[in-house]
């Protein structure tokens, strides 16, 4: 007796990527809560620099120090990050300054 198994074949091609739904930026937290701690992936959307600079600045004192949670995991106090963000001065570079550089 032969049993028939109905299997659906999904063809993946170059056009398949347009059908994949990507996470919308609106799904990120709109704010950083003042309590608790956050990992790099949680605070990077609020910062004007990337992961490498985050770690470099944390090590040399330009950004709040990270706290080691385990041998492979660090986090930052949300209150420290928010205080740092509030103390940043807006850029005062004008277009004339950029043209002279």
C-alpha atoms as a PDB file:
ATOM      1  CA  UNK A   1       0.000   0.000   0.000  1.00  0.00           C
ATOM      2  CA  UNK A   2       1.409   3.381  -0.980  1.00  0.00           C
ATOM      3  CA  UNK A   3       0.642   6.356   1.215  1.00  0.00           C
ATOM      4  CA  UNK A   4       0.579   9.757  -0.321  1.00  0.00           C
ATOM      5  CA  UNK A   5       2.169  12.529   1.721  1.00  0.00           C
ATOM      6  CA  UNK A   6       1.175  15.993   0.694  1.00  0.00           C
ATOM      7  CA  UNK A   7       4.252  18.165   1.070  1.00  0.00           C
ATOM      8  CA  UNK A   8       4.342  21.724  -0.036  1.00  0.00           C
ATOM      9  CA  UNK A   9       7.549  22.902  -1.659  1.00  0.00           C
ATOM     10  CA  UNK A  10       8.560  26.471  -1.002  1.00  0.00           C
ATOM     11  CA  UNK A  11      10.743  27.958  -3.697  1.00  0.00           C
ATOM     12  CA  UNK A  12      13.227  30.525  -2.481  1.00  0.00           C
ATOM     13  CA  UNK A  13      14.503  32.931  -5.038  1.00  0.00           C
ATOM     14  CA  UNK A  14      15.795  36.464  -5.199  1.00  0.00           C
ATOM     15  CA  UNK A  15      12.279  37.883  -5.047  1.00  0.00           C
ATOM     16  CA  UNK A  16      11.458  36.048  -1.818  1.00  0.00           C
ATOM     17  CA  UNK A  17      13.077  38.754   0.296  1.00  0.00           C
ATOM     18  CA  UNK A  18      10.386  41.272  -0.634  1.00  0.00           C
ATOM     19  CA  UNK A  19       7.795  38.971   0.936  1.00  0.00           C
ATOM     20  CA  UNK A  20       9.601  38.799   4.279  1.00  0.00           C
ATOM     21  CA  UNK A  21       8.259  41.201   6.850  1.00  0.00           C
ATOM     22  CA  UNK A  22      10.974  43.114   8.656  1.00  0.00           C
ATOM     23  CA  UNK A  23      10.605  44.518  12.148  1.00  0.00           C
ATOM     24  CA  UNK A  24       9.437  48.090  11.946  1.00  0.00           C
ATOM     25  CA  UNK A  25      11.494  50.702  13.777  1.00  0.00           C
ATOM     26  CA  UNK A  26       8.329  51.600  15.701  1.00  0.00           C
ATOM     27  CA  UNK A  27       8.653  48.287  17.541  1.00  0.00           C
ATOM     28  CA  UNK A  28      11.706  49.626  19.395  1.00  0.00           C
ATOM     29  CA  UNK A  29      11.190  51.196  22.774  1.00  0.00           C
ATOM     30  CA  UNK A  30      10.249  54.844  22.433  1.00  0.00           C
ATOM     31  CA  UNK A  31      12.069  55.721  25.632  1.00  0.00           C
ATOM     32  CA  UNK A  32      14.659  54.350  27.987  1.00  0.00           C
ATOM     33  CA  UNK A  33      13.178  53.757  31.457  1.00  0.00           C
ATOM     34  CA  UNK A  34      15.093  55.574  34.209  1.00  0.00           C
ATOM     35  CA  UNK A  35      15.315  52.452  36.361  1.00  0.00           C
ATOM     36  CA  UNK A  36      17.187  49.290  35.591  1.00  0.00           C
ATOM     37  CA  UNK A  37      19.941  48.368  33.206  1.00  0.00           C
ATOM     38  CA  UNK A  38      20.152  47.889  29.460  1.00  0.00           C
ATOM     39  CA  UNK A  39      22.410  46.033  27.070  1.00  0.00           C
ATOM     40  CA  UNK A  40      24.147  47.713  24.129  1.00  0.00           C
ATOM     41  CA  UNK A  41      21.430  46.698  21.659  1.00  0.00           C
ATOM     42  CA  UNK A  42      18.871  48.494  23.848  1.00  0.00           C
ATOM     43  CA  UNK A  43      20.704  51.799  24.193  1.00  0.00           C
ATOM     44  CA  UNK A  44      22.284  52.104  20.739  1.00  0.00           C
ATOM     45  CA  UNK A  45      19.081  53.465  19.114  1.00  0.00           C
ATOM     46  CA  UNK A  46      19.372  56.481  21.438  1.00  0.00           C
ATOM     47  CA  UNK A  47      23.051  57.159  20.749  1.00  0.00           C
ATOM     48  CA  UNK A  48      24.687  59.030  17.847  1.00  0.00           C
ATOM     49  CA  UNK A  49      27.415  56.391  17.484  1.00  0.00           C
ATOM     50  CA  UNK A  50      27.835  52.658  17.058  1.00  0.00           C
ATOM     51  CA  UNK A  51      28.715  49.622  19.166  1.00  0.00           C
ATOM     52  CA  UNK A  52      32.498  49.936  18.836  1.00  0.00           C
ATOM     53  CA  UNK A  53      32.501  53.589  19.925  1.00  0.00           C
ATOM     54  CA  UNK A  54      30.138  52.734  22.783  1.00  0.00           C
ATOM     55  CA  UNK A  55      32.597  50.222  24.203  1.00  0.00           C
ATOM     56  CA  UNK A  56      35.656  52.422  23.552  1.00  0.00           C
ATOM     57  CA  UNK A  57      34.067  55.478  25.181  1.00  0.00           C
ATOM     58  CA  UNK A  58      32.859  53.377  28.135  1.00  0.00           C
ATOM     59  CA  UNK A  59      36.421  52.184  28.703  1.00  0.00           C
ATOM     60  CA  UNK A  60      38.047  55.627  28.448  1.00  0.00           C
ATOM     61  CA  UNK A  61      35.463  57.617  30.438  1.00  0.00           C
ATOM     62  CA  UNK A  62      33.733  59.535  27.648  1.00  0.00           C
ATOM     63  CA  UNK A  63      30.535  57.528  28.287  1.00  0.00           C
ATOM     64  CA  UNK A  64      29.256  55.908  31.506  1.00  0.00           C
ATOM     65  CA  UNK A  65      31.111  52.737  32.417  1.00  0.00           C
ATOM     66  CA  UNK A  66      29.499  49.410  31.682  1.00  0.00           C
ATOM     67  CA  UNK A  67      28.881  46.884  34.425  1.00  0.00           C
ATOM     68  CA  UNK A  68      30.019  43.327  33.885  1.00  0.00           C
ATOM     69  CA  UNK A  69      27.100  40.957  34.513  1.00  0.00           C
ATOM     70  CA  UNK A  70      28.958  37.802  33.501  1.00  0.00           C
ATOM     71  CA  UNK A  71      32.233  36.965  31.727  1.00  0.00           C
ATOM     72  CA  UNK A  72      30.579  37.691  28.365  1.00  0.00           C
ATOM     73  CA  UNK A  73      27.823  40.194  29.202  1.00  0.00           C
ATOM     74  CA  UNK A  74      27.860  43.885  30.103  1.00  0.00           C
ATOM     75  CA  UNK A  75      25.081  46.405  30.676  1.00  0.00           C
ATOM     76  CA  UNK A  76      24.715  50.086  31.478  1.00  0.00           C
ATOM     77  CA  UNK A  77      22.627  51.742  34.185  1.00  0.00           C
ATOM     78  CA  UNK A  78      19.750  53.473  32.427  1.00  0.00           C
ATOM     79  CA  UNK A  79      19.975  56.445  34.804  1.00  0.00           C
ATOM     80  CA  UNK A  80      23.656  56.965  33.854  1.00  0.00           C
ATOM     81  CA  UNK A  81      22.872  56.784  30.125  1.00  0.00           C
ATOM     82  CA  UNK A  82      19.950  59.221  30.430  1.00  0.00           C
ATOM     83  CA  UNK A  83      22.066  61.657  32.451  1.00  0.00           C
ATOM     84  CA  UNK A  84      24.832  61.479  29.823  1.00  0.00           C
ATOM     85  CA  UNK A  85      22.312  62.123  27.026  1.00  0.00           C
ATOM     86  CA  UNK A  86      20.816  65.120  28.846  1.00  0.00           C
ATOM     87  CA  UNK A  87      24.275  66.651  29.387  1.00  0.00           C
ATOM     88  CA  UNK A  88      25.282  66.500  25.720  1.00  0.00           C
ATOM     89  CA  UNK A  89      25.437  69.862  24.013  1.00  0.00           C
ATOM     90  CA  UNK A  90      23.866  70.133  20.565  1.00  0.00           C
ATOM     91  CA  UNK A  91      26.294  70.440  17.702  1.00  0.00           C
ATOM     92  CA  UNK A  92      27.090  74.035  16.798  1.00  0.00           C
ATOM     93  CA  UNK A  93      28.845  73.279  13.509  1.00  0.00           C
ATOM     94  CA  UNK A  94      27.602  75.519  10.731  1.00  0.00           C
ATOM     95  CA  UNK A  95      27.646  74.874   7.002  1.00  0.00           C
ATOM     96  CA  UNK A  96      30.434  77.479   6.687  1.00  0.00           C
ATOM     97  CA  UNK A  97      32.579  75.482   9.109  1.00  0.00           C
ATOM     98  CA  UNK A  98      32.007  72.318   7.072  1.00  0.00           C
ATOM     99  CA  UNK A  99      32.945  74.060   3.805  1.00  0.00           C
ATOM    100  CA  UNK A 100      36.211  75.346   5.314  1.00  0.00           C
ATOM    101  CA  UNK A 101      37.248  71.910   6.566  1.00  0.00           C
END
